[in-house]
């Protein structure tokens, strides 16, 4: 069985820009770059949808924080810290540091 080929973002952008130029058909680009025409259409659509993000202020959007998930993670960290402390105290009689 063959593995799927992973293309770099730079390669995808290059192919999508060529598709946007419209000088060649998707089939011609597919044979030129060795990819399926469907992939070219997907990369072109992704480029068009994400192009507006290039011009946003602050260059990067701040990640959205889910407060409930954050609280659950803090609780889990607390549980693990207590368990770690308990186990480290119980191992000291056997030479644990």
PDB file of N, CA and C in Angstrom:
ATOM      1  N   UNK A   1       0.838  -1.182   0.000  1.00  0.00           N
ATOM      2  CA  UNK A   1       0.000   0.000   0.000  1.00  0.00           C
ATOM      3  C   UNK A   1       0.883   1.246   0.000  1.00  0.00           C
ATOM      4  N   UNK A   2       0.435   2.247  -0.687  1.00  0.00           N
ATOM      5  CA  UNK A   2       1.196   3.493  -0.739  1.00  0.00           C
ATOM      6  C   UNK A   2       0.682   4.467   0.305  1.00  0.00           C
ATOM      7  N   UNK A   3       1.588   5.263   0.814  1.00  0.00           N
ATOM      8  CA  UNK A   3       1.203   6.278   1.780  1.00  0.00           C
ATOM      9  C   UNK A   3       0.780   7.540   1.047  1.00  0.00           C
ATOM     10  N   UNK A   4      -0.057   8.321   1.693  1.00  0.00           N
ATOM     11  CA  UNK A   4      -0.461   9.594   1.109  1.00  0.00           C
ATOM     12  C   UNK A   4       0.704  10.564   1.173  1.00  0.00           C
ATOM     13  N   UNK A   5       0.826  11.340   0.142  1.00  0.00           N
ATOM     14  CA  UNK A   5       1.912  12.308   0.099  1.00  0.00           C
ATOM     15  C   UNK A   5       1.501  13.565   0.866  1.00  0.00           C
ATOM     16  N   UNK A   6       2.384  14.044   1.698  1.00  0.00           N
ATOM     17  CA  UNK A   6       2.153  15.260   2.466  1.00  0.00           C
ATOM     18  C   UNK A   6       2.847  16.419   1.762  1.00  0.00           C
ATOM     19  N   UNK A   7       2.084  17.436   1.406  1.00  0.00           N
ATOM     20  CA  UNK A   7       2.645  18.591   0.720  1.00  0.00           C
ATOM     21  C   UNK A   7       2.842  19.728   1.718  1.00  0.00           C
ATOM     22  N   UNK A   8       3.896  20.484   1.521  1.00  0.00           N
ATOM     23  CA  UNK A   8       4.189  21.603   2.411  1.00  0.00           C
ATOM     24  C   UNK A   8       3.218  22.748   2.136  1.00  0.00           C
ATOM     25  N   UNK A   9       3.004  23.605   3.128  1.00  0.00           N
ATOM     26  CA  UNK A   9       2.139  24.759   2.913  1.00  0.00           C
ATOM     27  C   UNK A   9       2.640  25.666   1.794  1.00  0.00           C
ATOM     28  N   UNK A  10       3.951  25.759   1.641  1.00  0.00           N
ATOM     29  CA  UNK A  10       4.513  26.590   0.574  1.00  0.00           C
ATOM     30  C   UNK A  10       4.136  26.045  -0.799  1.00  0.00           C
ATOM     31  N   UNK A  11       4.200  24.724  -0.938  1.00  0.00           N
ATOM     32  CA  UNK A  11       3.838  24.091  -2.207  1.00  0.00           C
ATOM     33  C   UNK A  11       2.363  24.306  -2.501  1.00  0.00           C
ATOM     34  N   UNK A  12       1.524  24.132  -1.480  1.00  0.00           N
ATOM     35  CA  UNK A  12       0.082  24.315  -1.665  1.00  0.00           C
ATOM     36  C   UNK A  12      -0.228  25.749  -2.082  1.00  0.00           C
ATOM     37  N   UNK A  13       0.440  26.715  -1.450  1.00  0.00           N
ATOM     38  CA  UNK A  13       0.213  28.118  -1.786  1.00  0.00           C
ATOM     39  C   UNK A  13       0.651  28.404  -3.217  1.00  0.00           C
ATOM     40  N   UNK A  14       1.772  27.831  -3.607  1.00  0.00           N
ATOM     41  CA  UNK A  14       2.277  28.034  -4.966  1.00  0.00           C
ATOM     42  C   UNK A  14       1.282  27.504  -5.994  1.00  0.00           C
ATOM     43  N   UNK A  15       0.774  26.301  -5.770  1.00  0.00           N
ATOM     44  CA  UNK A  15      -0.178  25.695  -6.700  1.00  0.00           C
ATOM     45  C   UNK A  15      -1.485  26.484  -6.710  1.00  0.00           C
ATOM     46  N   UNK A  16      -1.953  26.903  -5.536  1.00  0.00           N
ATOM     47  CA  UNK A  16      -3.207  27.658  -5.458  1.00  0.00           C
ATOM     48  C   UNK A  16      -3.078  29.003  -6.165  1.00  0.00           C
ATOM     49  N   UNK A  17      -1.941  29.656  -6.026  1.00  0.00           N
ATOM     50  CA  UNK A  17      -1.734  30.932  -6.720  1.00  0.00           C
ATOM     51  C   UNK A  17      -1.701  30.741  -8.234  1.00  0.00           C
ATOM     52  N   UNK A  18      -1.097  29.663  -8.671  1.00  0.00           N
ATOM     53  CA  UNK A  18      -1.095  29.364 -10.103  1.00  0.00           C
ATOM     54  C   UNK A  18      -2.520  29.136 -10.592  1.00  0.00           C
ATOM     55  N   UNK A  19      -3.328  28.474  -9.779  1.00  0.00           N
ATOM     56  CA  UNK A  19      -4.720  28.231 -10.153  1.00  0.00           C
ATOM     57  C   UNK A  19      -5.508  29.533 -10.193  1.00  0.00           C
ATOM     58  N   UNK A  20      -5.200  30.438  -9.281  1.00  0.00           N
ATOM     59  CA  UNK A  20      -5.890  31.726  -9.260  1.00  0.00           C
ATOM     60  C   UNK A  20      -5.548  32.572 -10.480  1.00  0.00           C
ATOM     61  N   UNK A  21      -4.356  32.429 -10.985  1.00  0.00           N
ATOM     62  CA  UNK A  21      -3.968  33.193 -12.168  1.00  0.00           C
ATOM     63  C   UNK A  21      -4.867  32.855 -13.353  1.00  0.00           C
ATOM     64  N   UNK A  22      -5.285  31.593 -13.440  1.00  0.00           N
ATOM     65  CA  UNK A  22      -6.174  31.181 -14.506  1.00  0.00           C
ATOM     66  C   UNK A  22      -5.510  30.998 -15.859  1.00  0.00           C
ATOM     67  N   UNK A  23      -4.207  30.956 -15.908  1.00  0.00           N
ATOM     68  CA  UNK A  23      -3.498  30.788 -17.174  1.00  0.00           C
ATOM     69  C   UNK A  23      -3.540  29.346 -17.663  1.00  0.00           C
ATOM     70  N   UNK A  24      -3.705  28.403 -16.737  1.00  0.00           N
ATOM     71  CA  UNK A  24      -3.789  26.994 -17.078  1.00  0.00           C
ATOM     72  C   UNK A  24      -5.007  26.392 -16.394  1.00  0.00           C
ATOM     73  N   UNK A  25      -5.531  25.319 -16.969  1.00  0.00           N
ATOM     74  CA  UNK A  25      -6.660  24.633 -16.348  1.00  0.00           C
ATOM     75  C   UNK A  25      -6.167  23.818 -15.157  1.00  0.00           C
ATOM     76  N   UNK A  26      -7.123  23.366 -14.339  1.00  0.00           N
ATOM     77  CA  UNK A  26      -6.764  22.556 -13.181  1.00  0.00           C
ATOM     78  C   UNK A  26      -6.108  21.251 -13.617  1.00  0.00           C
ATOM     79  N   UNK A  27      -6.559  20.696 -14.727  1.00  0.00           N
ATOM     80  CA  UNK A  27      -5.973  19.452 -15.223  1.00  0.00           C
ATOM     81  C   UNK A  27      -4.521  19.674 -15.659  1.00  0.00           C
ATOM     82  N   UNK A  28      -4.256  20.791 -16.302  1.00  0.00           N
ATOM     83  CA  UNK A  28      -2.886  21.096 -16.720  1.00  0.00           C
ATOM     84  C   UNK A  28      -1.984  21.303 -15.503  1.00  0.00           C
ATOM     85  N   UNK A  29      -2.499  22.031 -14.522  1.00  0.00           N
ATOM     86  CA  UNK A  29      -1.721  22.244 -13.298  1.00  0.00           C
ATOM     87  C   UNK A  29      -1.495  20.923 -12.560  1.00  0.00           C
ATOM     88  N   UNK A  30      -2.508  20.058 -12.576  1.00  0.00           N
ATOM     89  CA  UNK A  30      -2.392  18.771 -11.895  1.00  0.00           C
ATOM     90  C   UNK A  30      -1.276  17.936 -12.504  1.00  0.00           C
ATOM     91  N   UNK A  31      -1.206  17.915 -13.811  1.00  0.00           N
ATOM     92  CA  UNK A  31      -0.134  17.136 -14.442  1.00  0.00           C
ATOM     93  C   UNK A  31       1.224  17.806 -14.246  1.00  0.00           C
ATOM     94  N   UNK A  32       1.236  19.113 -14.214  1.00  0.00           N
ATOM     95  CA  UNK A  32       2.488  19.851 -14.027  1.00  0.00           C
ATOM     96  C   UNK A  32       3.068  19.643 -12.626  1.00  0.00           C
ATOM     97  N   UNK A  33       2.190  19.681 -11.609  1.00  0.00           N
ATOM     98  CA  UNK A  33       2.659  19.582 -10.219  1.00  0.00           C
ATOM     99  C   UNK A  33       2.513  18.178  -9.640  1.00  0.00           C
ATOM    100  N   UNK A  34       1.863  17.271 -10.359  1.00  0.00           N
ATOM    101  CA  UNK A  34       1.734  15.902  -9.879  1.00  0.00           C
ATOM    102  C   UNK A  34       0.738  15.726  -8.758  1.00  0.00           C
ATOM    103  N   UNK A  35      -0.343  16.482  -8.781  1.00  0.00           N
ATOM    104  CA  UNK A  35      -1.400  16.345  -7.775  1.00  0.00           C
ATOM    105  C   UNK A  35      -2.737  16.182  -8.489  1.00  0.00           C
ATOM    106  N   UNK A  36      -3.747  15.787  -7.742  1.00  0.00           N
ATOM    107  CA  UNK A  36      -5.075  15.593  -8.320  1.00  0.00           C
ATOM    108  C   UNK A  36      -5.765  16.951  -8.483  1.00  0.00           C
ATOM    109  N   UNK A  37      -6.545  17.135  -9.551  1.00  0.00           N
ATOM    110  CA  UNK A  37      -7.242  18.415  -9.752  1.00  0.00           C
ATOM    111  C   UNK A  37      -8.159  18.806  -8.593  1.00  0.00           C
ATOM    112  N   UNK A  38      -8.733  17.820  -7.926  1.00  0.00           N
ATOM    113  CA  UNK A  38      -9.593  18.116  -6.778  1.00  0.00           C
ATOM    114  C   UNK A  38      -8.807  18.818  -5.680  1.00  0.00           C
ATOM    115  N   UNK A  39      -7.571  18.381  -5.461  1.00  0.00           N
ATOM    116  CA  UNK A  39      -6.734  19.020  -4.449  1.00  0.00           C
ATOM    117  C   UNK A  39      -6.448  20.464  -4.820  1.00  0.00           C
ATOM    118  N   UNK A  40      -6.237  20.712  -6.095  1.00  0.00           N
ATOM    119  CA  UNK A  40      -5.986  22.090  -6.535  1.00  0.00           C
ATOM    120  C   UNK A  40      -7.192  22.958  -6.242  1.00  0.00           C
ATOM    121  N   UNK A  41      -8.384  22.448  -6.509  1.00  0.00           N
ATOM    122  CA  UNK A  41      -9.598  23.222  -6.227  1.00  0.00           C
ATOM    123  C   UNK A  41      -9.752  23.478  -4.727  1.00  0.00           C
ATOM    124  N   UNK A  42      -9.449  22.473  -3.914  1.00  0.00           N
ATOM    125  CA  UNK A  42      -9.549  22.641  -2.457  1.00  0.00           C
ATOM    126  C   UNK A  42      -8.550  23.671  -1.948  1.00  0.00           C
ATOM    127  N   UNK A  43      -7.319  23.608  -2.444  1.00  0.00           N
ATOM    128  CA  UNK A  43      -6.289  24.563  -2.010  1.00  0.00           C
ATOM    129  C   UNK A  43      -6.630  25.968  -2.462  1.00  0.00           C
ATOM    130  N   UNK A  44      -7.186  26.092  -3.647  1.00  0.00           N
ATOM    131  CA  UNK A  44      -7.576  27.400  -4.164  1.00  0.00           C
ATOM    132  C   UNK A  44      -8.695  27.984  -3.300  1.00  0.00           C
ATOM    133  N   UNK A  45      -9.686  27.156  -2.951  1.00  0.00           N
ATOM    134  CA  UNK A  45     -10.785  27.615  -2.110  1.00  0.00           C
ATOM    135  C   UNK A  45     -10.279  28.017  -0.732  1.00  0.00           C
ATOM    136  N   UNK A  46      -9.363  27.226  -0.173  1.00  0.00           N
ATOM    137  CA  UNK A  46      -8.803  27.539   1.144  1.00  0.00           C
ATOM    138  C   UNK A  46      -8.026  28.849   1.109  1.00  0.00           C
ATOM    139  N   UNK A  47      -7.308  29.079   0.017  1.00  0.00           N
ATOM    140  CA  UNK A  47      -6.558  30.326  -0.128  1.00  0.00           C
ATOM    141  C   UNK A  47      -7.500  31.519  -0.185  1.00  0.00           C
ATOM    142  N   UNK A  48      -8.564  31.392  -0.943  1.00  0.00           N
ATOM    143  CA  UNK A  48      -9.519  32.494  -1.060  1.00  0.00           C
ATOM    144  C   UNK A  48     -10.232  32.762   0.264  1.00  0.00           C
ATOM    145  N   UNK A  49     -10.570  31.702   0.999  1.00  0.00           N
ATOM    146  CA  UNK A  49     -11.268  31.875   2.276  1.00  0.00           C
ATOM    147  C   UNK A  49     -10.356  32.451   3.352  1.00  0.00           C
ATOM    148  N   UNK A  50      -9.075  32.099   3.323  1.00  0.00           N
ATOM    149  CA  UNK A  50      -8.158  32.549   4.366  1.00  0.00           C
ATOM    150  C   UNK A  50      -7.401  33.814   4.027  1.00  0.00           C
ATOM    151  N   UNK A  51      -7.584  34.332   2.828  1.00  0.00           N
ATOM    152  CA  UNK A  51      -6.816  35.501   2.408  1.00  0.00           C
ATOM    153  C   UNK A  51      -7.143  36.737   3.233  1.00  0.00           C
ATOM    154  N   UNK A  52      -8.373  36.871   3.696  1.00  0.00           N
ATOM    155  CA  UNK A  52      -8.737  38.057   4.469  1.00  0.00           C
ATOM    156  C   UNK A  52      -8.005  38.103   5.805  1.00  0.00           C
ATOM    157  N   UNK A  53      -7.601  36.950   6.337  1.00  0.00           N
ATOM    158  CA  UNK A  53      -6.879  36.900   7.606  1.00  0.00           C
ATOM    159  C   UNK A  53      -5.509  37.532   7.534  1.00  0.00           C
ATOM    160  N   UNK A  54      -4.960  37.659   6.346  1.00  0.00           N
ATOM    161  CA  UNK A  54      -3.637  38.257   6.188  1.00  0.00           C
ATOM    162  C   UNK A  54      -3.670  39.731   6.557  1.00  0.00           C
ATOM    163  N   UNK A  55      -4.798  40.371   6.322  1.00  0.00           N
ATOM    164  CA  UNK A  55      -4.890  41.816   6.513  1.00  0.00           C
ATOM    165  C   UNK A  55      -5.529  42.212   7.840  1.00  0.00           C
ATOM    166  N   UNK A  56      -5.764  41.264   8.722  1.00  0.00           N
ATOM    167  CA  UNK A  56      -6.359  41.587  10.020  1.00  0.00           C
ATOM    168  C   UNK A  56      -5.336  42.293  10.898  1.00  0.00           C
ATOM    169  N   UNK A  57      -5.819  43.194  11.710  1.00  0.00           N
ATOM    170  CA  UNK A  57      -4.937  43.894  12.646  1.00  0.00           C
ATOM    171  C   UNK A  57      -4.504  42.939  13.749  1.00  0.00           C
ATOM    172  N   UNK A  58      -3.320  43.151  14.244  1.00  0.00           N
ATOM    173  CA  UNK A  58      -2.802  42.307  15.315  1.00  0.00           C
ATOM    174  C   UNK A  58      -2.220  41.011  14.786  1.00  0.00           C
ATOM    175  N   UNK A  59      -2.166  40.849  13.534  1.00  0.00           N
ATOM    176  CA  UNK A  59      -1.608  39.722  12.793  1.00  0.00           C
ATOM    177  C   UNK A  59      -2.156  38.352  13.192  1.00  0.00           C
ATOM    178  N   UNK A  60      -2.381  38.133  14.456  1.00  0.00           N
ATOM    179  CA  UNK A  60      -2.917  36.840  14.904  1.00  0.00           C
ATOM    180  C   UNK A  60      -4.158  37.087  15.752  1.00  0.00           C
ATOM    181  N   UNK A  61      -5.159  36.251  15.538  1.00  0.00           N
ATOM    182  CA  UNK A  61      -6.328  36.342  16.403  1.00  0.00           C
ATOM    183  C   UNK A  61      -6.008  35.679  17.732  1.00  0.00           C
ATOM    184  N   UNK A  62      -6.550  36.240  18.786  1.00  0.00           N
ATOM    185  CA  UNK A  62      -6.350  35.646  20.091  1.00  0.00           C
ATOM    186  C   UNK A  62      -7.173  34.364  20.170  1.00  0.00           C
ATOM    187  N   UNK A  63      -6.597  33.308  20.721  1.00  0.00           N
ATOM    188  CA  UNK A  63      -7.351  32.059  20.821  1.00  0.00           C
ATOM    189  C   UNK A  63      -8.519  32.216  21.786  1.00  0.00           C
ATOM    190  N   UNK A  64      -9.623  31.604  21.426  1.00  0.00           N
ATOM    191  CA  UNK A  64     -10.788  31.648  22.297  1.00  0.00           C
ATOM    192  C   UNK A  64     -10.566  30.695  23.463  1.00  0.00           C
ATOM    193  N   UNK A  65     -10.891  31.152  24.670  1.00  0.00           N
ATOM    194  CA  UNK A  65     -10.679  30.359  25.868  1.00  0.00           C
ATOM    195  C   UNK A  65     -12.023  29.856  26.363  1.00  0.00           C
ATOM    196  N   UNK A  66     -12.133  28.558  26.489  1.00  0.00           N
ATOM    197  CA  UNK A  66     -13.339  27.947  27.039  1.00  0.00           C
ATOM    198  C   UNK A  66     -13.149  27.868  28.548  1.00  0.00           C
ATOM    199  N   UNK A  67     -13.898  28.676  29.274  1.00  0.00           N
ATOM    200  CA  UNK A  67     -13.722  28.780  30.727  1.00  0.00           C
ATOM    201  C   UNK A  67     -13.997  27.461  31.429  1.00  0.00           C
ATOM    202  N   UNK A  68     -15.013  26.722  30.982  1.00  0.00           N
ATOM    203  CA  UNK A  68     -15.343  25.449  31.627  1.00  0.00           C
ATOM    204  C   UNK A  68     -14.199  24.452  31.447  1.00  0.00           C
ATOM    205  N   UNK A  69     -13.642  24.411  30.254  1.00  0.00           N
ATOM    206  CA  UNK A  69     -12.533  23.500  30.006  1.00  0.00           C
ATOM    207  C   UNK A  69     -11.307  23.926  30.810  1.00  0.00           C
ATOM    208  N   UNK A  70     -11.089  25.232  30.913  1.00  0.00           N
ATOM    209  CA  UNK A  70      -9.957  25.735  31.676  1.00  0.00           C
ATOM    210  C   UNK A  70     -10.072  25.340  33.152  1.00  0.00           C
ATOM    211  N   UNK A  71     -11.273  25.463  33.716  1.00  0.00           N
ATOM    212  CA  UNK A  71     -11.477  25.077  35.109  1.00  0.00           C
ATOM    213  C   UNK A  71     -11.268  23.583  35.306  1.00  0.00           C
ATOM    214  N   UNK A  72     -11.738  22.782  34.341  1.00  0.00           N
ATOM    215  CA  UNK A  72     -11.556  21.334  34.434  1.00  0.00           C
ATOM    216  C   UNK A  72     -10.074  20.981  34.391  1.00  0.00           C
ATOM    217  N   UNK A  73      -9.324  21.660  33.553  1.00  0.00           N
ATOM    218  CA  UNK A  73      -7.890  21.390  33.465  1.00  0.00           C
ATOM    219  C   UNK A  73      -7.156  21.800  34.744  1.00  0.00           C
ATOM    220  N   UNK A  74      -7.549  22.930  35.318  1.00  0.00           N
ATOM    221  CA  UNK A  74      -6.935  23.352  36.584  1.00  0.00           C
ATOM    222  C   UNK A  74      -7.259  22.358  37.689  1.00  0.00           C
ATOM    223  N   UNK A  75      -8.469  21.830  37.706  1.00  0.00           N
ATOM    224  CA  UNK A  75      -8.836  20.835  38.706  1.00  0.00           C
ATOM    225  C   UNK A  75      -8.004  19.569  38.538  1.00  0.00           C
ATOM    226  N   UNK A  76      -7.814  19.154  37.305  1.00  0.00           N
ATOM    227  CA  UNK A  76      -7.020  17.952  37.041  1.00  0.00           C
ATOM    228  C   UNK A  76      -5.567  18.165  37.459  1.00  0.00           C
ATOM    229  N   UNK A  77      -5.030  19.352  37.200  1.00  0.00           N
ATOM    230  CA  UNK A  77      -3.663  19.662  37.622  1.00  0.00           C
ATOM    231  C   UNK A  77      -3.557  19.579  39.137  1.00  0.00           C
ATOM    232  N   UNK A  78      -4.551  20.086  39.838  1.00  0.00           N
ATOM    233  CA  UNK A  78      -4.556  20.010  41.300  1.00  0.00           C
ATOM    234  C   UNK A  78      -4.574  18.577  41.793  1.00  0.00           C
ATOM    235  N   UNK A  79      -5.417  17.744  41.178  1.00  0.00           N
ATOM    236  CA  UNK A  79      -5.487  16.339  41.567  1.00  0.00           C
ATOM    237  C   UNK A  79      -4.147  15.648  41.353  1.00  0.00           C
ATOM    238  N   UNK A  80      -3.535  15.901  40.215  1.00  0.00           N
ATOM    239  CA  UNK A  80      -2.259  15.263  39.909  1.00  0.00           C
ATOM    240  C   UNK A  80      -1.151  15.749  40.839  1.00  0.00           C
ATOM    241  N   UNK A  81      -1.194  17.018  41.211  1.00  0.00           N
ATOM    242  CA  UNK A  81      -0.191  17.550  42.137  1.00  0.00           C
ATOM    243  C   UNK A  81      -0.330  16.892  43.503  1.00  0.00           C
ATOM    244  N   UNK A  82      -1.564  16.710  43.975  1.00  0.00           N
ATOM    245  CA  UNK A  82      -1.796  16.060  45.268  1.00  0.00           C
ATOM    246  C   UNK A  82      -1.332  14.607  45.216  1.00  0.00           C
ATOM    247  N   UNK A  83      -1.671  13.911  44.135  1.00  0.00           N
ATOM    248  CA  UNK A  83      -1.258  12.509  44.005  1.00  0.00           C
ATOM    249  C   UNK A  83       0.260  12.398  43.936  1.00  0.00           C
ATOM    250  N   UNK A  84       0.898  13.297  43.226  1.00  0.00           N
ATOM    251  CA  UNK A  84       2.357  13.287  43.109  1.00  0.00           C
ATOM    252  C   UNK A  84       2.998  13.530  44.466  1.00  0.00           C
ATOM    253  N   UNK A  85       2.479  14.478  45.223  1.00  0.00           N
ATOM    254  CA  UNK A  85       3.006  14.778  46.551  1.00  0.00           C
ATOM    255  C   UNK A  85       2.826  13.580  47.484  1.00  0.00           C
ATOM    256  N   UNK A  86       1.657  12.954  47.435  1.00  0.00           N
ATOM    257  CA  UNK A  86       1.374  11.789  48.274  1.00  0.00           C
ATOM    258  C   UNK A  86       2.345  10.650  47.964  1.00  0.00           C
ATOM    259  N   UNK A  87       2.511  10.375  46.668  1.00  0.00           N
ATOM    260  CA  UNK A  87       3.402   9.276  46.284  1.00  0.00           C
ATOM    261  C   UNK A  87       4.856   9.564  46.622  1.00  0.00           C
ATOM    262  N   UNK A  88       5.281  10.802  46.489  1.00  0.00           N
ATOM    263  CA  UNK A  88       6.672  11.119  46.816  1.00  0.00           C
ATOM    264  C   UNK A  88       6.921  10.956  48.316  1.00  0.00           C
ATOM    265  N   UNK A  89       5.924  11.289  49.155  1.00  0.00           N
ATOM    266  CA  UNK A  89       6.084  11.099  50.599  1.00  0.00           C
ATOM    267  C   UNK A  89       6.100   9.616  50.958  1.00  0.00           C
ATOM    268  N   UNK A  90       5.317   8.801  50.273  1.00  0.00           N
ATOM    269  CA  UNK A  90       5.259   7.374  50.579  1.00  0.00           C
ATOM    270  C   UNK A  90       6.512   6.632  50.104  1.00  0.00           C
ATOM    271  N   UNK A  91       7.188   7.163  49.096  1.00  0.00           N
ATOM    272  CA  UNK A  91       8.385   6.500  48.583  1.00  0.00           C
ATOM    273  C   UNK A  91       9.640   6.833  49.375  1.00  0.00           C
ATOM    274  N   UNK A  92       9.628   7.882  50.204  1.00  0.00           N
ATOM    275  CA  UNK A  92      10.825   8.288  50.942  1.00  0.00           C
ATOM    276  C   UNK A  92      11.380   7.180  51.830  1.00  0.00           C
ATOM    277  N   UNK A  93      10.549   6.373  52.512  1.00  0.00           N
ATOM    278  CA  UNK A  93      11.138   5.302  53.341  1.00  0.00           C
ATOM    279  C   UNK A  93      11.926   4.279  52.537  1.00  0.00           C
ATOM    280  N   UNK A  94      11.673   4.147  51.251  1.00  0.00           N
ATOM    281  CA  UNK A  94      12.380   3.172  50.413  1.00  0.00           C
ATOM    282  C   UNK A  94      13.533   3.801  49.659  1.00  0.00           C
ATOM    283  N   UNK A  95      13.962   4.952  50.041  1.00  0.00           N
ATOM    284  CA  UNK A  95      15.124   5.575  49.429  1.00  0.00           C
ATOM    285  C   UNK A  95      14.781   6.483  48.269  1.00  0.00           C
ATOM    286  N   UNK A  96      13.526   6.756  48.057  1.00  0.00           N
ATOM    287  CA  UNK A  96      13.151   7.681  46.978  1.00  0.00           C
ATOM    288  C   UNK A  96      13.456   9.117  47.378  1.00  0.00           C
ATOM    289  N   UNK A  97      13.792   9.940  46.411  1.00  0.00           N
ATOM    290  CA  UNK A  97      14.109  11.332  46.720  1.00  0.00           C
ATOM    291  C   UNK A  97      13.028  12.246  46.259  1.00  0.00           C
TER     292      UNK A  97
END
